[in-house]
Amino acid sequence: MSNTLHIIIDHSGSMRELGKHFIVANLVRYVQDVCIIQPERFEPLNLKLLICNDTVNEIAVSPNQDIELPQPNGKFNTEQYLQLLEKEQFLSVLFLSDQLEKEMFPHLEKLTNCRFAFVAVGVDAKLPPKSKVKHLSAFRSEDISAALDFVLHSVSANETPPSFISEIHSENNIAASNEDNWDT
């Protein structure tokens, strides 16, 4: 497990819509809080928070202060984002955005020493197709805890990436409803 978690936020104009800006701030607060509340689950962890739109900027993160994010604006610069990932070779990345563009998939698949979780933010967020690559996965924002576990804890060679949590819940609910007969 890496001791630095990189939270990269899509800070383009589309993140200003439908309260996504506030959801992102709450997701970052959750990560901060859960790492403090559950130290046995997360070794001492450094957070590095980056916002990406036309440029990439780092936001200072202090465990004793609230997260302050500027208003989203501009357009997401995919090329600059990919250069950042390839150059830095981050080990643990949570990418908070309302979409993951298809042109990024081949680049992300090449980052084999990077655990990358896309976290879909907002009611209009689009989840990408499930990846067969062990170091990539996608989650809905309500599944931030599972995304955090995915990027921070290693996967064995024979393990496959987790399904979307909503799919797991659906499968469990169907199985439970078939087992239980509430009419008797």
C-alpha atoms as a PDB file:
ATOM      1  CA  MET A   1       0.000   0.000   0.000  1.00  0.00           C
ATOM      2  CA  SER A   2       1.250   3.459  -0.884  1.00  0.00           C
ATOM      3  CA  ASN A   3       1.341   6.024   1.916  1.00  0.00           C
ATOM      4  CA  THR A   4       0.158   8.799  -0.436  1.00  0.00           C
ATOM      5  CA  LEU A   5      -3.325   8.942  -1.891  1.00  0.00           C
ATOM      6  CA  HIS A   6      -3.749  11.216  -4.895  1.00  0.00           C
ATOM      7  CA  ILE A   7      -7.256  12.596  -5.210  1.00  0.00           C
ATOM      8  CA  ILE A   8      -7.614  14.160  -8.630  1.00  0.00           C
ATOM      9  CA  ILE A   9     -10.730  16.253  -9.204  1.00  0.00           C
ATOM     10  CA  ASP A  10     -12.265  17.152 -12.537  1.00  0.00           C
ATOM     11  CA  HIS A  11     -12.742  20.878 -11.975  1.00  0.00           C
ATOM     12  CA  SER A  12     -14.217  21.774 -15.363  1.00  0.00           C
ATOM     13  CA  GLY A  13     -17.417  23.748 -15.869  1.00  0.00           C
ATOM     14  CA  SER A  14     -19.606  20.614 -15.990  1.00  0.00           C
ATOM     15  CA  MET A  15     -18.724  19.984 -12.329  1.00  0.00           C
ATOM     16  CA  ARG A  16     -20.528  23.220 -11.414  1.00  0.00           C
ATOM     17  CA  GLU A  17     -23.893  21.655 -12.368  1.00  0.00           C
ATOM     18  CA  LEU A  18     -26.303  19.701 -10.137  1.00  0.00           C
ATOM     19  CA  GLY A  19     -24.335  20.194  -6.922  1.00  0.00           C
ATOM     20  CA  LYS A  20     -21.326  18.153  -8.078  1.00  0.00           C
ATOM     21  CA  HIS A  21     -18.968  20.731  -6.585  1.00  0.00           C
ATOM     22  CA  PHE A  22     -20.459  20.083  -3.128  1.00  0.00           C
ATOM     23  CA  ILE A  23     -20.466  16.298  -3.604  1.00  0.00           C
ATOM     24  CA  VAL A  24     -16.752  16.384  -4.440  1.00  0.00           C
ATOM     25  CA  ALA A  25     -15.962  18.427  -1.318  1.00  0.00           C
ATOM     26  CA  ASN A  26     -17.938  15.954   0.809  1.00  0.00           C
ATOM     27  CA  LEU A  27     -16.159  12.972  -0.760  1.00  0.00           C
ATOM     28  CA  VAL A  28     -12.779  14.488   0.085  1.00  0.00           C
ATOM     29  CA  ARG A  29     -14.011  15.217   3.642  1.00  0.00           C
ATOM     30  CA  TYR A  30     -15.106  11.596   3.947  1.00  0.00           C
ATOM     31  CA  VAL A  31     -11.681  10.312   2.885  1.00  0.00           C
ATOM     32  CA  GLN A  32      -9.991  12.624   5.385  1.00  0.00           C
ATOM     33  CA  ASP A  33     -12.310  11.586   8.196  1.00  0.00           C
ATOM     34  CA  VAL A  34     -12.297   7.829   7.589  1.00  0.00           C
ATOM     35  CA  CYS A  35      -8.493   7.780   7.546  1.00  0.00           C
ATOM     36  CA  ILE A  36      -8.457   9.465  10.961  1.00  0.00           C
ATOM     37  CA  ILE A  37     -11.336   7.464  12.461  1.00  0.00           C
ATOM     38  CA  GLN A  38     -10.106   4.069  11.268  1.00  0.00           C
ATOM     39  CA  PRO A  39      -6.304   4.137  11.600  1.00  0.00           C
ATOM     40  CA  GLU A  40      -6.218   0.321  11.783  1.00  0.00           C
ATOM     41  CA  ARG A  41      -7.723   0.180   8.273  1.00  0.00           C
ATOM     42  CA  PHE A  42      -5.512   2.901   6.809  1.00  0.00           C
ATOM     43  CA  GLU A  43      -1.887   3.271   7.744  1.00  0.00           C
ATOM     44  CA  PRO A  44      -0.803   6.884   8.172  1.00  0.00           C
ATOM     45  CA  LEU A  45      -1.869   8.370   4.877  1.00  0.00           C
ATOM     46  CA  ASN A  46      -0.824  11.546   3.122  1.00  0.00           C
ATOM     47  CA  LEU A  47      -3.456  13.140   0.909  1.00  0.00           C
ATOM     48  CA  LYS A  48      -2.447  15.012  -2.207  1.00  0.00           C
ATOM     49  CA  LEU A  49      -5.365  16.883  -3.756  1.00  0.00           C
ATOM     50  CA  LEU A  50      -5.132  18.046  -7.377  1.00  0.00           C
ATOM     51  CA  ILE A  51      -7.773  19.920  -9.375  1.00  0.00           C
ATOM     52  CA  CYS A  52      -7.764  19.676 -13.160  1.00  0.00           C
ATOM     53  CA  ASN A  53      -9.440  21.880 -15.721  1.00  0.00           C
ATOM     54  CA  ASP A  54      -7.423  23.968 -18.198  1.00  0.00           C
ATOM     55  CA  THR A  55      -4.469  23.530 -15.817  1.00  0.00           C
ATOM     56  CA  VAL A  56      -3.519  21.222 -12.945  1.00  0.00           C
ATOM     57  CA  ASN A  57      -3.249  22.784  -9.481  1.00  0.00           C
ATOM     58  CA  GLU A  58      -2.538  21.308  -6.085  1.00  0.00           C
ATOM     59  CA  ILE A  59      -4.802  22.267  -3.171  1.00  0.00           C
ATOM     60  CA  ALA A  60      -3.324  22.238   0.333  1.00  0.00           C
ATOM     61  CA  VAL A  61      -4.929  19.599   2.558  1.00  0.00           C
ATOM     62  CA  SER A  62      -4.738  19.914   6.315  1.00  0.00           C
ATOM     63  CA  PRO A  63      -6.403  17.395   8.637  1.00  0.00           C
ATOM     64  CA  ASN A  64      -7.436  20.237  10.972  1.00  0.00           C
ATOM     65  CA  GLN A  65      -9.079  22.444   8.337  1.00  0.00           C
ATOM     66  CA  ASP A  66     -12.091  22.107   6.073  1.00  0.00           C
ATOM     67  CA  ILE A  67     -11.621  21.565   2.336  1.00  0.00           C
ATOM     68  CA  GLU A  68     -11.891  24.795   0.356  1.00  0.00           C
ATOM     69  CA  LEU A  69     -12.299  24.309  -3.386  1.00  0.00           C
ATOM     70  CA  PRO A  70     -12.587  27.177  -5.859  1.00  0.00           C
ATOM     71  CA  GLN A  71     -15.590  27.248  -8.211  1.00  0.00           C
ATOM     72  CA  PRO A  72     -15.192  24.853 -11.160  1.00  0.00           C
ATOM     73  CA  ASN A  73     -14.652  26.485 -14.543  1.00  0.00           C
ATOM     74  CA  GLY A  74     -13.070  25.971 -17.933  1.00  0.00           C
ATOM     75  CA  LYS A  75     -12.750  22.757 -19.851  1.00  0.00           C
ATOM     76  CA  PHE A  76     -11.136  19.501 -18.734  1.00  0.00           C
ATOM     77  CA  ASN A  77      -7.752  19.170 -20.435  1.00  0.00           C
ATOM     78  CA  THR A  78      -7.510  15.425 -21.096  1.00  0.00           C
ATOM     79  CA  GLU A  79      -4.043  15.631 -22.634  1.00  0.00           C
ATOM     80  CA  GLN A  80      -2.571  17.501 -19.670  1.00  0.00           C
ATOM     81  CA  TYR A  81      -4.246  15.081 -17.242  1.00  0.00           C
ATOM     82  CA  LEU A  82      -2.810  12.046 -19.022  1.00  0.00           C
ATOM     83  CA  GLN A  83       0.653  13.621 -19.089  1.00  0.00           C
ATOM     84  CA  LEU A  84       0.394  14.170 -15.329  1.00  0.00           C
ATOM     85  CA  LEU A  85      -0.521  10.520 -14.702  1.00  0.00           C
ATOM     86  CA  GLU A  86       2.182   9.176 -17.008  1.00  0.00           C
ATOM     87  CA  LYS A  87       4.877  11.511 -15.681  1.00  0.00           C
ATOM     88  CA  GLU A  88       4.164  11.041 -11.983  1.00  0.00           C
ATOM     89  CA  GLN A  89       3.227   7.331 -12.015  1.00  0.00           C
ATOM     90  CA  PHE A  90       1.006   7.734  -8.967  1.00  0.00           C
ATOM     91  CA  LEU A  91       0.488   4.546  -7.016  1.00  0.00           C
ATOM     92  CA  SER A  92      -2.973   5.286  -5.572  1.00  0.00           C
ATOM     93  CA  VAL A  93      -5.423   7.536  -7.451  1.00  0.00           C
ATOM     94  CA  LEU A  94      -9.059   8.451  -6.879  1.00  0.00           C
ATOM     95  CA  PHE A  95     -10.370  10.388  -9.886  1.00  0.00           C
ATOM     96  CA  LEU A  96     -13.563  12.306  -9.040  1.00  0.00           C
ATOM     97  CA  SER A  97     -15.486  13.322 -12.163  1.00  0.00           C
ATOM     98  CA  ASP A  98     -18.793  13.081 -13.967  1.00  0.00           C
ATOM     99  CA  GLN A  99     -17.246  11.073 -16.815  1.00  0.00           C
ATOM    100  CA  LEU A 100     -14.202   9.122 -17.881  1.00  0.00           C
ATOM    101  CA  GLU A 101     -13.523   9.720 -21.552  1.00  0.00           C
ATOM    102  CA  LYS A 102     -12.936   6.653 -23.757  1.00  0.00           C
ATOM    103  CA  GLU A 103      -9.679   8.044 -25.122  1.00  0.00           C
ATOM    104  CA  MET A 104      -8.212   7.744 -21.621  1.00  0.00           C
ATOM    105  CA  PHE A 105      -8.702   3.944 -21.362  1.00  0.00           C
ATOM    106  CA  PRO A 106      -5.626   2.855 -23.369  1.00  0.00           C
ATOM    107  CA  HIS A 107      -3.435   5.277 -21.409  1.00  0.00           C
ATOM    108  CA  LEU A 108      -4.797   4.145 -18.040  1.00  0.00           C
ATOM    109  CA  GLU A 109      -4.298   0.473 -18.938  1.00  0.00           C
ATOM    110  CA  LYS A 110      -0.570   1.170 -19.447  1.00  0.00           C
ATOM    111  CA  LEU A 111      -0.160   2.552 -15.906  1.00  0.00           C
ATOM    112  CA  THR A 112       0.390  -0.895 -14.394  1.00  0.00           C
ATOM    113  CA  ASN A 113       2.018   0.340 -11.174  1.00  0.00           C
ATOM    114  CA  CYS A 114      -0.917   2.672 -10.469  1.00  0.00           C
ATOM    115  CA  ARG A 115      -4.145   1.658  -8.674  1.00  0.00           C
ATOM    116  CA  PHE A 116      -6.768   3.889 -10.333  1.00  0.00           C
ATOM    117  CA  ALA A 117     -10.414   4.269  -9.286  1.00  0.00           C
ATOM    118  CA  PHE A 118     -12.826   6.476 -11.178  1.00  0.00           C
ATOM    119  CA  VAL A 119     -15.532   7.813  -8.849  1.00  0.00           C
ATOM    120  CA  ALA A 120     -18.626   8.920 -10.777  1.00  0.00           C
ATOM    121  CA  VAL A 121     -19.948  12.178  -9.300  1.00  0.00           C
ATOM    122  CA  GLY A 122     -23.478  13.441  -9.877  1.00  0.00           C
ATOM    123  CA  VAL A 123     -26.814  12.044 -11.006  1.00  0.00           C
ATOM    124  CA  ASP A 124     -25.806  12.478 -14.647  1.00  0.00           C
ATOM    125  CA  ALA A 125     -22.417  10.760 -14.193  1.00  0.00           C
ATOM    126  CA  LYS A 126     -21.599   8.007 -16.634  1.00  0.00           C
ATOM    127  CA  LEU A 127     -19.838   4.867 -15.478  1.00  0.00           C
ATOM    128  CA  PRO A 128     -17.445   3.366 -18.012  1.00  0.00           C
ATOM    129  CA  PRO A 129     -17.741  -0.308 -18.976  1.00  0.00           C
ATOM    130  CA  LYS A 130     -16.219  -2.650 -16.404  1.00  0.00           C
ATOM    131  CA  SER A 131     -12.478  -3.016 -16.936  1.00  0.00           C
ATOM    132  CA  LYS A 132     -10.774  -6.404 -17.053  1.00  0.00           C
ATOM    133  CA  VAL A 133      -7.522  -4.715 -16.024  1.00  0.00           C
ATOM    134  CA  LYS A 134      -6.711  -5.410 -12.351  1.00  0.00           C
ATOM    135  CA  HIS A 135      -5.462  -1.926 -11.505  1.00  0.00           C
ATOM    136  CA  LEU A 136      -8.523  -0.034 -12.843  1.00  0.00           C
ATOM    137  CA  SER A 137     -12.046   0.138 -11.484  1.00  0.00           C
ATOM    138  CA  ALA A 138     -15.031   2.493 -11.325  1.00  0.00           C
ATOM    139  CA  PHE A 139     -17.432   3.308  -8.525  1.00  0.00           C
ATOM    140  CA  ARG A 140     -20.433   5.510  -7.872  1.00  0.00           C
ATOM    141  CA  SER A 141     -19.852   8.314  -5.379  1.00  0.00           C
ATOM    142  CA  GLU A 142     -21.913   6.544  -2.702  1.00  0.00           C
ATOM    143  CA  ASP A 143     -19.358   3.708  -2.897  1.00  0.00           C
ATOM    144  CA  ILE A 144     -16.378   5.912  -2.014  1.00  0.00           C
ATOM    145  CA  SER A 145     -15.345   3.551   0.788  1.00  0.00           C
ATOM    146  CA  ALA A 146     -15.011   0.630  -1.646  1.00  0.00           C
ATOM    147  CA  ALA A 147     -13.087   2.859  -4.077  1.00  0.00           C
ATOM    148  CA  LEU A 148     -10.735   3.850  -1.276  1.00  0.00           C
ATOM    149  CA  ASP A 149     -10.133   0.211  -0.347  1.00  0.00           C
ATOM    150  CA  PHE A 150      -9.506  -0.628  -4.003  1.00  0.00           C
ATOM    151  CA  VAL A 151      -6.764   1.962  -4.518  1.00  0.00           C
ATOM    152  CA  LEU A 152      -5.078   1.497  -1.159  1.00  0.00           C
ATOM    153  CA  HIS A 153      -4.998  -2.266  -0.783  1.00  0.00           C
ATOM    154  CA  SER A 154      -3.178  -4.563  -3.166  1.00  0.00           C
ATOM    155  CA  VAL A 155      -4.916  -7.178  -5.262  1.00  0.00           C
ATOM    156  CA  SER A 156      -3.515 -10.677  -5.598  1.00  0.00           C
ATOM    157  CA  ALA A 157      -2.498 -11.912  -9.028  1.00  0.00           C
ATOM    158  CA  ASN A 158      -5.547 -14.190  -9.390  1.00  0.00           C
ATOM    159  CA  GLU A 159      -8.093 -11.634  -8.170  1.00  0.00           C
ATOM    160  CA  THR A 160     -10.259  -9.711 -10.618  1.00  0.00           C
ATOM    161  CA  PRO A 161     -11.265  -6.080 -10.184  1.00  0.00           C
ATOM    162  CA  PRO A 162     -14.417  -5.625  -8.117  1.00  0.00           C
ATOM    163  CA  SER A 163     -17.773  -5.295  -9.813  1.00  0.00           C
ATOM    164  CA  PHE A 164     -19.582  -2.033  -9.458  1.00  0.00           C
ATOM    165  CA  ILE A 165     -20.961  -2.038  -5.934  1.00  0.00           C
ATOM    166  CA  SER A 166     -24.484  -1.388  -7.218  1.00  0.00           C
ATOM    167  CA  GLU A 167     -24.258  -4.636  -9.229  1.00  0.00           C
ATOM    168  CA  ILE A 168     -23.151  -6.554  -6.137  1.00  0.00           C
ATOM    169  CA  HIS A 169     -26.075  -5.137  -4.143  1.00  0.00           C
ATOM    170  CA  SER A 170     -28.507  -6.019  -6.936  1.00  0.00           C
ATOM    171  CA  GLU A 171     -27.215  -9.599  -7.133  1.00  0.00           C
ATOM    172  CA  ASN A 172     -27.430  -9.986  -3.341  1.00  0.00           C
ATOM    173  CA  ASN A 173     -30.945  -8.547  -3.214  1.00  0.00           C
ATOM    174  CA  ILE A 174     -32.169 -10.890  -5.961  1.00  0.00           C
ATOM    175  CA  ALA A 175     -30.635 -13.904  -4.225  1.00  0.00           C
ATOM    176  CA  ALA A 176     -32.090 -12.851  -0.865  1.00  0.00           C
ATOM    177  CA  SER A 177     -35.541 -12.287  -2.351  1.00  0.00           C
ATOM    178  CA  ASN A 178     -35.440 -15.752  -3.966  1.00  0.00           C
ATOM    179  CA  GLU A 179     -34.420 -17.403  -0.681  1.00  0.00           C
ATOM    180  CA  ASP A 180     -36.949 -15.639   1.523  1.00  0.00           C
ATOM    181  CA  ASN A 181     -40.620 -16.272   1.084  1.00  0.00           C
ATOM    182  CA  TRP A 182     -42.359 -13.415   2.866  1.00  0.00           C
ATOM    183  CA  ASP A 183     -45.842 -14.699   1.995  1.00  0.00           C
ATOM    184  CA  THR A 184     -45.714 -17.751   4.265  1.00  0.00           C
END
